[in-house]
Amino acid sequence: MRIIVCVKQVPDPEQAKMDKEKGTVVREGVPLIVNPFDLYAVEEALRIKERLGDVEVVAISMGPPQAEEALREVIAMGVDTAYLISDRAFAGADTLATSYTLSRAIEWIGDYDLIICGKQAIDGDTAQVGPGIAAHLDLPQITYVRKIEEIKEGYIRAERMVEDGYYVVEAPLPCVITVVKEINEPRLPTLKGKLRAKKAEIPVLTPDRINADPDKIGVSGSPTEVIEIYSPEIKKEGRIYQAEEIEKAVEDMIEILKKKGVL
């Protein structure tokens, strides 16, 4: 069995900045991390490998050359092989172009049984790339997976989280799933893993190598456009409610909360 995990390098949210004119995240001078939801995807792939035994875990990432750092981090966790999808032609991609590019890389790797993505990237919050990959590859998908109940040759059964509970969904393999943080707790890289990651060779996949259509990648393949970016106004308001009797003060507060829809 071969599992492909999609990994993205994102700016540290505590120090992230936006370019309001370009409508993009400023990455220069900002610490970069592995998208947290993708770490749950990596961990789940490794747990499947530990349960089933004969499994290869492959990580892929689309981004600039420094995204190689994210791939080395997941190799240190236990990933077997990694590929960096990197070229100037890929720059400026929206979720449609990104999912197309990743799907072309996945087809180039080939012989896959399961594709795992984090439910979303914290720098975009669209949750569209995983489903987009499934659409491009014409594969079944299970999104917001909180638990894999069973997986075997040609079959997967998983719990899909919804607002008021979960559904149990079965699908044939190959399949695309996106996972939520409730699914596991990502492991830390080991010293042995870090040494292996440092020496690992990470091939770079270019548009020509994965046979990507130039009109479907980067800016050319991105039909969406960011019109405006702004920081939401944060309003802080405090009120003091007084009454001679404590019971009356509590009753007044309850009525206020009811009117605001809190209770």
C-alpha atoms as a PDB file:
ATOM      1  CA  MET A   1       0.000   0.000   0.000  1.00  0.00           C
ATOM      2  CA  ARG A   2       1.169   3.523  -0.778  1.00  0.00           C
ATOM      3  CA  ILE A   3      -0.160   6.549   1.098  1.00  0.00           C
ATOM      4  CA  ILE A   4       0.480  10.047  -0.214  1.00  0.00           C
ATOM      5  CA  VAL A   5       0.268  12.915   2.262  1.00  0.00           C
ATOM      6  CA  CYS A   6      -0.007  16.530   1.143  1.00  0.00           C
ATOM      7  CA  VAL A   7       1.990  18.960   3.279  1.00  0.00           C
ATOM      8  CA  LYS A   8       2.098  22.750   3.138  1.00  0.00           C
ATOM      9  CA  GLN A   9       4.546  25.191   4.691  1.00  0.00           C
ATOM     10  CA  VAL A  10       2.745  28.219   6.146  1.00  0.00           C
ATOM     11  CA  PRO A  11       3.743  31.397   7.995  1.00  0.00           C
ATOM     12  CA  ASP A  12       3.670  31.235  11.771  1.00  0.00           C
ATOM     13  CA  PRO A  13       0.184  32.662  12.516  1.00  0.00           C
ATOM     14  CA  GLU A  14       1.510  34.634  15.471  1.00  0.00           C
ATOM     15  CA  GLN A  15       3.802  36.627  13.174  1.00  0.00           C
ATOM     16  CA  ALA A  16       1.993  36.449   9.831  1.00  0.00           C
ATOM     17  CA  LYS A  17       1.488  39.610   7.774  1.00  0.00           C
ATOM     18  CA  MET A  18      -0.605  40.395   4.707  1.00  0.00           C
ATOM     19  CA  ASP A  19       0.290  42.387   1.583  1.00  0.00           C
ATOM     20  CA  LYS A  20      -2.921  44.365   1.101  1.00  0.00           C
ATOM     21  CA  GLU A  21      -2.041  45.477  -2.437  1.00  0.00           C
ATOM     22  CA  LYS A  22      -1.201  41.992  -3.754  1.00  0.00           C
ATOM     23  CA  GLY A  23      -3.729  40.165  -1.591  1.00  0.00           C
ATOM     24  CA  THR A  24      -1.150  37.595  -0.515  1.00  0.00           C
ATOM     25  CA  VAL A  25       0.548  36.445   2.663  1.00  0.00           C
ATOM     26  CA  VAL A  26       3.972  38.007   3.235  1.00  0.00           C
ATOM     27  CA  ARG A  27       6.427  35.148   3.755  1.00  0.00           C
ATOM     28  CA  GLU A  28       9.724  37.031   3.698  1.00  0.00           C
ATOM     29  CA  GLY A  29      11.146  37.486   7.172  1.00  0.00           C
ATOM     30  CA  VAL A  30       8.311  35.509   8.807  1.00  0.00           C
ATOM     31  CA  PRO A  31       9.044  32.159  10.520  1.00  0.00           C
ATOM     32  CA  LEU A  32       7.549  29.232   8.603  1.00  0.00           C
ATOM     33  CA  ILE A  33       6.009  26.063  10.036  1.00  0.00           C
ATOM     34  CA  VAL A  34       4.313  22.930   8.776  1.00  0.00           C
ATOM     35  CA  ASN A  35       0.587  23.539   8.480  1.00  0.00           C
ATOM     36  CA  PRO A  36      -0.716  22.087  11.792  1.00  0.00           C
ATOM     37  CA  PHE A  37      -3.586  20.149  10.193  1.00  0.00           C
ATOM     38  CA  ASP A  38      -1.094  18.455   7.840  1.00  0.00           C
ATOM     39  CA  LEU A  39       0.795  17.074  10.838  1.00  0.00           C
ATOM     40  CA  TYR A  40      -2.363  15.152  11.802  1.00  0.00           C
ATOM     41  CA  ALA A  41      -2.471  13.799   8.243  1.00  0.00           C
ATOM     42  CA  VAL A  42       1.161  12.662   8.470  1.00  0.00           C
ATOM     43  CA  GLU A  43       0.605  11.074  11.868  1.00  0.00           C
ATOM     44  CA  GLU A  44      -2.417   9.136  10.635  1.00  0.00           C
ATOM     45  CA  ALA A  45      -0.472   7.826   7.643  1.00  0.00           C
ATOM     46  CA  LEU A  46       2.307   6.651   9.968  1.00  0.00           C
ATOM     47  CA  ARG A  47      -0.194   4.938  12.270  1.00  0.00           C
ATOM     48  CA  ILE A  48      -1.699   3.081   9.320  1.00  0.00           C
ATOM     49  CA  LYS A  49       1.810   1.978   8.358  1.00  0.00           C
ATOM     50  CA  GLU A  50       2.453   0.725  11.891  1.00  0.00           C
ATOM     51  CA  ARG A  51      -0.819  -1.240  11.896  1.00  0.00           C
ATOM     52  CA  LEU A  52      -0.604  -2.768   8.436  1.00  0.00           C
ATOM     53  CA  GLY A  53       3.144  -3.116   7.998  1.00  0.00           C
ATOM     54  CA  ASP A  54       3.718  -3.128   4.235  1.00  0.00           C
ATOM     55  CA  VAL A  55       2.974   0.567   3.629  1.00  0.00           C
ATOM     56  CA  GLU A  56       5.026   3.324   2.003  1.00  0.00           C
ATOM     57  CA  VAL A  57       4.298   6.879   3.141  1.00  0.00           C
ATOM     58  CA  VAL A  58       5.135   9.576   0.595  1.00  0.00           C
ATOM     59  CA  ALA A  59       4.893  13.311   1.371  1.00  0.00           C
ATOM     60  CA  ILE A  60       4.514  16.004  -1.283  1.00  0.00           C
ATOM     61  CA  SER A  61       4.561  19.766  -0.944  1.00  0.00           C
ATOM     62  CA  MET A  62       4.075  22.583  -3.432  1.00  0.00           C
ATOM     63  CA  GLY A  63       5.968  25.758  -2.678  1.00  0.00           C
ATOM     64  CA  PRO A  64       9.207  27.713  -2.996  1.00  0.00           C
ATOM     65  CA  PRO A  65      12.584  26.026  -2.342  1.00  0.00           C
ATOM     66  CA  GLN A  66      12.390  26.672   1.422  1.00  0.00           C
ATOM     67  CA  ALA A  67       9.328  24.369   1.598  1.00  0.00           C
ATOM     68  CA  GLU A  68      11.897  21.580   1.586  1.00  0.00           C
ATOM     69  CA  GLU A  69      12.273  22.274   5.317  1.00  0.00           C
ATOM     70  CA  ALA A  70       8.671  21.159   5.895  1.00  0.00           C
ATOM     71  CA  LEU A  71       9.324  17.919   4.041  1.00  0.00           C
ATOM     72  CA  ARG A  72      12.444  17.220   6.062  1.00  0.00           C
ATOM     73  CA  GLU A  73      10.430  17.741   9.246  1.00  0.00           C
ATOM     74  CA  VAL A  74       7.877  15.086   8.262  1.00  0.00           C
ATOM     75  CA  ILE A  75      10.649  12.736   7.135  1.00  0.00           C
ATOM     76  CA  ALA A  76      12.036  13.108  10.651  1.00  0.00           C
ATOM     77  CA  MET A  77       8.619  11.981  11.933  1.00  0.00           C
ATOM     78  CA  GLY A  78       8.824   8.790   9.867  1.00  0.00           C
ATOM     79  CA  VAL A  79       7.778   9.560   6.267  1.00  0.00           C
ATOM     80  CA  ASP A  80       9.622   7.317   3.791  1.00  0.00           C
ATOM     81  CA  THR A  81       9.929   9.534   0.713  1.00  0.00           C
ATOM     82  CA  ALA A  82       9.240  13.176  -0.148  1.00  0.00           C
ATOM     83  CA  TYR A  83       8.902  15.303  -3.278  1.00  0.00           C
ATOM     84  CA  LEU A  84       8.988  19.097  -3.571  1.00  0.00           C
ATOM     85  CA  ILE A  85       6.812  20.587  -6.316  1.00  0.00           C
ATOM     86  CA  SER A  86       8.580  23.856  -7.028  1.00  0.00           C
ATOM     87  CA  ASP A  87       8.907  26.240  -9.949  1.00  0.00           C
ATOM     88  CA  ARG A  88       8.215  29.925 -10.546  1.00  0.00           C
ATOM     89  CA  ALA A  89       5.392  28.878 -12.869  1.00  0.00           C
ATOM     90  CA  PHE A  90       3.476  27.519  -9.856  1.00  0.00           C
ATOM     91  CA  ALA A  91       3.531  30.872  -8.007  1.00  0.00           C
ATOM     92  CA  GLY A  92       0.280  32.710  -7.325  1.00  0.00           C
ATOM     93  CA  ALA A  93      -1.887  29.606  -7.532  1.00  0.00           C
ATOM     94  CA  ASP A  94      -5.342  29.625  -5.991  1.00  0.00           C
ATOM     95  CA  THR A  95      -6.966  26.456  -4.652  1.00  0.00           C
ATOM     96  CA  LEU A  96      -8.062  25.274  -8.105  1.00  0.00           C
ATOM     97  CA  ALA A  97      -4.566  25.575  -9.582  1.00  0.00           C
ATOM     98  CA  THR A  98      -2.983  24.155  -6.434  1.00  0.00           C
ATOM     99  CA  SER A  99      -5.202  21.069  -6.365  1.00  0.00           C
ATOM    100  CA  TYR A 100      -4.584  20.541 -10.095  1.00  0.00           C
ATOM    101  CA  THR A 101      -0.815  20.749  -9.613  1.00  0.00           C
ATOM    102  CA  LEU A 102      -0.863  18.359  -6.664  1.00  0.00           C
ATOM    103  CA  SER A 103      -3.046  15.928  -8.616  1.00  0.00           C
ATOM    104  CA  ARG A 104      -0.556  15.946 -11.502  1.00  0.00           C
ATOM    105  CA  ALA A 105       2.282  15.181  -9.066  1.00  0.00           C
ATOM    106  CA  ILE A 106       0.244  12.373  -7.489  1.00  0.00           C
ATOM    107  CA  GLU A 107      -0.422  10.864 -10.906  1.00  0.00           C
ATOM    108  CA  TRP A 108       3.286  11.130 -11.702  1.00  0.00           C
ATOM    109  CA  ILE A 109       4.138   9.238  -8.475  1.00  0.00           C
ATOM    110  CA  GLY A 110       1.423   6.700  -9.268  1.00  0.00           C
ATOM    111  CA  ASP A 111       0.382   3.404  -7.663  1.00  0.00           C
ATOM    112  CA  TYR A 112      -1.316   5.125  -4.699  1.00  0.00           C
ATOM    113  CA  ASP A 113      -4.037   3.709  -2.481  1.00  0.00           C
ATOM    114  CA  LEU A 114      -4.845   6.605  -0.151  1.00  0.00           C
ATOM    115  CA  ILE A 115      -4.299  10.375  -0.259  1.00  0.00           C
ATOM    116  CA  ILE A 116      -4.467  12.199   3.076  1.00  0.00           C
ATOM    117  CA  CYS A 117      -4.702  15.969   3.534  1.00  0.00           C
ATOM    118  CA  GLY A 118      -5.234  18.165   6.557  1.00  0.00           C
ATOM    119  CA  LYS A 119      -8.763  19.569   6.513  1.00  0.00           C
ATOM    120  CA  GLN A 120      -7.435  23.036   5.604  1.00  0.00           C
ATOM    121  CA  ALA A 121      -4.393  25.300   5.643  1.00  0.00           C
ATOM    122  CA  ILE A 122      -4.316  27.939   8.358  1.00  0.00           C
ATOM    123  CA  ASP A 123      -3.165  30.639   5.919  1.00  0.00           C
ATOM    124  CA  GLY A 124      -6.187  30.200   3.651  1.00  0.00           C
ATOM    125  CA  ASP A 125      -8.878  28.360   5.619  1.00  0.00           C
ATOM    126  CA  THR A 126     -10.719  27.326   2.440  1.00  0.00           C
ATOM    127  CA  ALA A 127     -10.685  23.522   2.942  1.00  0.00           C
ATOM    128  CA  GLN A 128     -10.873  23.226  -0.856  1.00  0.00           C
ATOM    129  CA  VAL A 129      -7.563  21.625  -1.866  1.00  0.00           C
ATOM    130  CA  GLY A 130      -8.291  18.085  -0.634  1.00  0.00           C
ATOM    131  CA  PRO A 131     -11.693  17.914  -2.370  1.00  0.00           C
ATOM    132  CA  GLY A 132     -10.106  19.581  -5.411  1.00  0.00           C
ATOM    133  CA  ILE A 133      -7.529  16.788  -5.665  1.00  0.00           C
ATOM    134  CA  ALA A 134     -10.324  14.216  -5.504  1.00  0.00           C
ATOM    135  CA  ALA A 135     -12.186  16.027  -8.289  1.00  0.00           C
ATOM    136  CA  HIS A 136      -9.124  16.246 -10.558  1.00  0.00           C
ATOM    137  CA  LEU A 137      -8.313  12.568 -10.020  1.00  0.00           C
ATOM    138  CA  ASP A 138     -11.975  11.489 -10.159  1.00  0.00           C
ATOM    139  CA  LEU A 139     -11.694   9.733  -6.798  1.00  0.00           C
ATOM    140  CA  PRO A 140     -14.147   9.264  -3.918  1.00  0.00           C
ATOM    141  CA  GLN A 141     -13.507  11.483  -0.912  1.00  0.00           C
ATOM    142  CA  ILE A 142     -14.279  11.561   2.795  1.00  0.00           C
ATOM    143  CA  THR A 143     -13.765  14.965   4.393  1.00  0.00           C
ATOM    144  CA  TYR A 144     -13.405  15.929   8.075  1.00  0.00           C
ATOM    145  CA  VAL A 145     -12.357  12.437   9.123  1.00  0.00           C
ATOM    146  CA  ARG A 146     -12.009  12.079  12.886  1.00  0.00           C
ATOM    147  CA  LYS A 147     -11.313   8.332  12.953  1.00  0.00           C
ATOM    148  CA  ILE A 148     -10.425   5.575  10.516  1.00  0.00           C
ATOM    149  CA  GLU A 149     -12.387   2.561  11.722  1.00  0.00           C
ATOM    150  CA  GLU A 150     -11.011   0.106   9.178  1.00  0.00           C
ATOM    151  CA  ILE A 151      -8.721   0.137   6.183  1.00  0.00           C
ATOM    152  CA  LYS A 152      -7.648  -2.795   4.067  1.00  0.00           C
ATOM    153  CA  GLU A 153      -7.036  -3.722   0.452  1.00  0.00           C
ATOM    154  CA  GLY A 154      -9.469  -1.714  -1.653  1.00  0.00           C
ATOM    155  CA  TYR A 155     -11.640  -0.449   1.218  1.00  0.00           C
ATOM    156  CA  ILE A 156     -11.838   2.208   3.931  1.00  0.00           C
ATOM    157  CA  ARG A 157     -14.441   2.972   6.606  1.00  0.00           C
ATOM    158  CA  ALA A 158     -14.158   6.212   8.536  1.00  0.00           C
ATOM    159  CA  GLU A 159     -16.047   8.503  10.886  1.00  0.00           C
ATOM    160  CA  ARG A 160     -16.780  11.861   9.271  1.00  0.00           C
ATOM    161  CA  MET A 161     -17.319  14.675  11.764  1.00  0.00           C
ATOM    162  CA  VAL A 162     -20.390  16.875  11.403  1.00  0.00           C
ATOM    163  CA  GLU A 163     -21.790  19.620  13.628  1.00  0.00           C
ATOM    164  CA  ASP A 164     -23.992  17.404  15.774  1.00  0.00           C
ATOM    165  CA  GLY A 165     -22.049  14.143  15.709  1.00  0.00           C
ATOM    166  CA  TYR A 166     -20.528  11.988  12.997  1.00  0.00           C
ATOM    167  CA  TYR A 167     -21.370   9.792  10.030  1.00  0.00           C
ATOM    168  CA  VAL A 168     -19.756   6.430   9.315  1.00  0.00           C
ATOM    169  CA  VAL A 169     -18.731   6.472   5.645  1.00  0.00           C
ATOM    170  CA  GLU A 170     -17.369   3.636   3.539  1.00  0.00           C
ATOM    171  CA  ALA A 171     -15.473   4.146   0.286  1.00  0.00           C
ATOM    172  CA  PRO A 172     -13.390   2.120  -2.154  1.00  0.00           C
ATOM    173  CA  LEU A 173      -9.671   2.710  -2.499  1.00  0.00           C
ATOM    174  CA  PRO A 174      -7.985   4.696  -3.897  1.00  0.00           C
ATOM    175  CA  CYS A 175      -9.636   7.522  -1.998  1.00  0.00           C
ATOM    176  CA  VAL A 176      -8.921  11.047  -0.746  1.00  0.00           C
ATOM    177  CA  ILE A 177      -9.554  11.909   2.900  1.00  0.00           C
ATOM    178  CA  THR A 178      -9.094  15.123   4.854  1.00  0.00           C
ATOM    179  CA  VAL A 179      -8.551  14.858   8.597  1.00  0.00           C
ATOM    180  CA  VAL A 180      -9.379  16.982  11.632  1.00  0.00           C
ATOM    181  CA  LYS A 181      -7.307  17.432  14.773  1.00  0.00           C
ATOM    182  CA  GLU A 182      -9.522  15.058  16.751  1.00  0.00           C
ATOM    183  CA  ILE A 183      -8.095  12.110  14.833  1.00  0.00           C
ATOM    184  CA  ASN A 184      -4.778  11.815  16.715  1.00  0.00           C
ATOM    185  CA  GLU A 185      -1.861  13.526  18.437  1.00  0.00           C
ATOM    186  CA  PRO A 186       1.143  14.051  16.109  1.00  0.00           C
ATOM    187  CA  ARG A 187       4.418  12.557  17.291  1.00  0.00           C
ATOM    188  CA  LEU A 188       7.652  14.480  17.706  1.00  0.00           C
ATOM    189  CA  PRO A 189      10.579  13.779  15.385  1.00  0.00           C
ATOM    190  CA  THR A 190      13.197  11.447  16.846  1.00  0.00           C
ATOM    191  CA  LEU A 191      16.942  12.069  16.819  1.00  0.00           C
ATOM    192  CA  LYS A 192      17.354   9.140  14.435  1.00  0.00           C
ATOM    193  CA  GLY A 193      14.622  10.599  12.252  1.00  0.00           C
ATOM    194  CA  LYS A 194      16.279  14.014  12.198  1.00  0.00           C
ATOM    195  CA  LEU A 195      19.576  12.486  11.099  1.00  0.00           C
ATOM    196  CA  ARG A 196      17.816  10.578   8.315  1.00  0.00           C
ATOM    197  CA  ALA A 197      15.903  13.700   7.263  1.00  0.00           C
ATOM    198  CA  LYS A 198      19.117  15.709   7.070  1.00  0.00           C
ATOM    199  CA  LYS A 199      20.605  13.223   4.592  1.00  0.00           C
ATOM    200  CA  ALA A 200      17.422  12.544   2.624  1.00  0.00           C
ATOM    201  CA  GLU A 201      17.318  13.377  -1.064  1.00  0.00           C
ATOM    202  CA  ILE A 202      14.196  15.339  -1.978  1.00  0.00           C
ATOM    203  CA  PRO A 203      13.589  15.428  -5.749  1.00  0.00           C
ATOM    204  CA  VAL A 204      12.084  18.607  -7.208  1.00  0.00           C
ATOM    205  CA  LEU A 205       9.104  18.213  -9.539  1.00  0.00           C
ATOM    206  CA  THR A 206       8.710  20.884 -12.235  1.00  0.00           C
ATOM    207  CA  PRO A 207       5.775  21.493 -14.618  1.00  0.00           C
ATOM    208  CA  ASP A 208       7.465  19.584 -17.420  1.00  0.00           C
ATOM    209  CA  ARG A 209       8.306  16.638 -15.190  1.00  0.00           C
ATOM    210  CA  ILE A 210       4.710  16.139 -14.035  1.00  0.00           C
ATOM    211  CA  ASN A 211       3.299  17.042 -17.456  1.00  0.00           C
ATOM    212  CA  ALA A 212       1.238  19.947 -16.105  1.00  0.00           C
ATOM    213  CA  ASP A 213      -0.786  22.118 -18.481  1.00  0.00           C
ATOM    214  CA  PRO A 214       0.765  25.654 -18.333  1.00  0.00           C
ATOM    215  CA  ASP A 215      -2.728  27.187 -18.537  1.00  0.00           C
ATOM    216  CA  LYS A 216      -3.864  25.349 -15.405  1.00  0.00           C
ATOM    217  CA  ILE A 217      -1.044  26.215 -12.999  1.00  0.00           C
ATOM    218  CA  GLY A 218       0.036  29.344 -11.145  1.00  0.00           C
ATOM    219  CA  VAL A 219      -1.673  32.639 -11.896  1.00  0.00           C
ATOM    220  CA  SER A 220      -2.780  31.453 -15.352  1.00  0.00           C
ATOM    221  CA  GLY A 221      -4.781  28.601 -13.854  1.00  0.00           C
ATOM    222  CA  SER A 222      -6.303  30.637 -11.029  1.00  0.00           C
ATOM    223  CA  PRO A 223      -9.752  32.063 -11.816  1.00  0.00           C
ATOM    224  CA  THR A 224     -10.233  33.582  -8.357  1.00  0.00           C
ATOM    225  CA  GLU A 225      -8.883  36.979  -7.388  1.00  0.00           C
ATOM    226  CA  VAL A 226      -8.484  38.628  -3.987  1.00  0.00           C
ATOM    227  CA  ILE A 227     -10.229  41.996  -4.250  1.00  0.00           C
ATOM    228  CA  GLU A 228      -9.565  43.347  -0.776  1.00  0.00           C
ATOM    229  CA  ILE A 229      -7.820  42.377   2.449  1.00  0.00           C
ATOM    230  CA  TYR A 230      -8.413  44.088   5.757  1.00  0.00           C
ATOM    231  CA  SER A 231      -7.997  43.409   9.448  1.00  0.00           C
ATOM    232  CA  PRO A 232     -11.302  43.109  11.305  1.00  0.00           C
ATOM    233  CA  GLU A 233     -11.984  45.877  13.777  1.00  0.00           C
ATOM    234  CA  ILE A 234     -11.739  44.606  17.327  1.00  0.00           C
ATOM    235  CA  LYS A 235     -14.209  46.255  19.639  1.00  0.00           C
ATOM    236  CA  LYS A 236     -13.759  45.961  23.364  1.00  0.00           C
ATOM    237  CA  GLU A 237     -16.646  47.052  25.477  1.00  0.00           C
ATOM    238  CA  GLY A 238     -17.251  46.674  29.172  1.00  0.00           C
ATOM    239  CA  ARG A 239     -20.308  47.496  31.240  1.00  0.00           C
ATOM    240  CA  ILE A 240     -20.962  47.507  34.958  1.00  0.00           C
ATOM    241  CA  TYR A 241     -24.425  46.528  36.185  1.00  0.00           C
ATOM    242  CA  GLN A 242     -25.276  47.413  39.739  1.00  0.00           C
ATOM    243  CA  ALA A 243     -28.202  46.647  42.003  1.00  0.00           C
ATOM    244  CA  GLU A 244     -28.866  46.862  45.723  1.00  0.00           C
ATOM    245  CA  GLU A 245     -29.616  43.156  45.957  1.00  0.00           C
ATOM    246  CA  ILE A 246     -27.209  40.583  44.458  1.00  0.00           C
ATOM    247  CA  GLU A 247     -30.156  38.470  43.325  1.00  0.00           C
ATOM    248  CA  LYS A 248     -31.537  41.434  41.361  1.00  0.00           C
ATOM    249  CA  ALA A 249     -28.168  42.040  39.718  1.00  0.00           C
ATOM    250  CA  VAL A 250     -27.975  38.402  38.628  1.00  0.00           C
ATOM    251  CA  GLU A 251     -31.533  38.508  37.261  1.00  0.00           C
ATOM    252  CA  ASP A 252     -30.732  41.673  35.273  1.00  0.00           C
ATOM    253  CA  MET A 253     -27.599  40.066  33.833  1.00  0.00           C
ATOM    254  CA  ILE A 254     -29.517  36.941  32.806  1.00  0.00           C
ATOM    255  CA  GLU A 255     -32.120  39.057  30.992  1.00  0.00           C
ATOM    256  CA  ILE A 256     -29.376  40.973  29.153  1.00  0.00           C
ATOM    257  CA  LEU A 257     -27.695  37.739  28.055  1.00  0.00           C
ATOM    258  CA  LYS A 258     -31.004  36.357  26.843  1.00  0.00           C
ATOM    259  CA  LYS A 259     -31.617  39.440  24.721  1.00  0.00           C
ATOM    260  CA  LYS A 260     -28.159  39.063  23.174  1.00  0.00           C
ATOM    261  CA  GLY A 261     -28.897  35.420  22.381  1.00  0.00           C
ATOM    262  CA  VAL A 262     -26.176  34.059  24.654  1.00  0.00           C
ATOM    263  CA  LEU A 263     -28.666  32.153  26.822  1.00  0.00           C
END
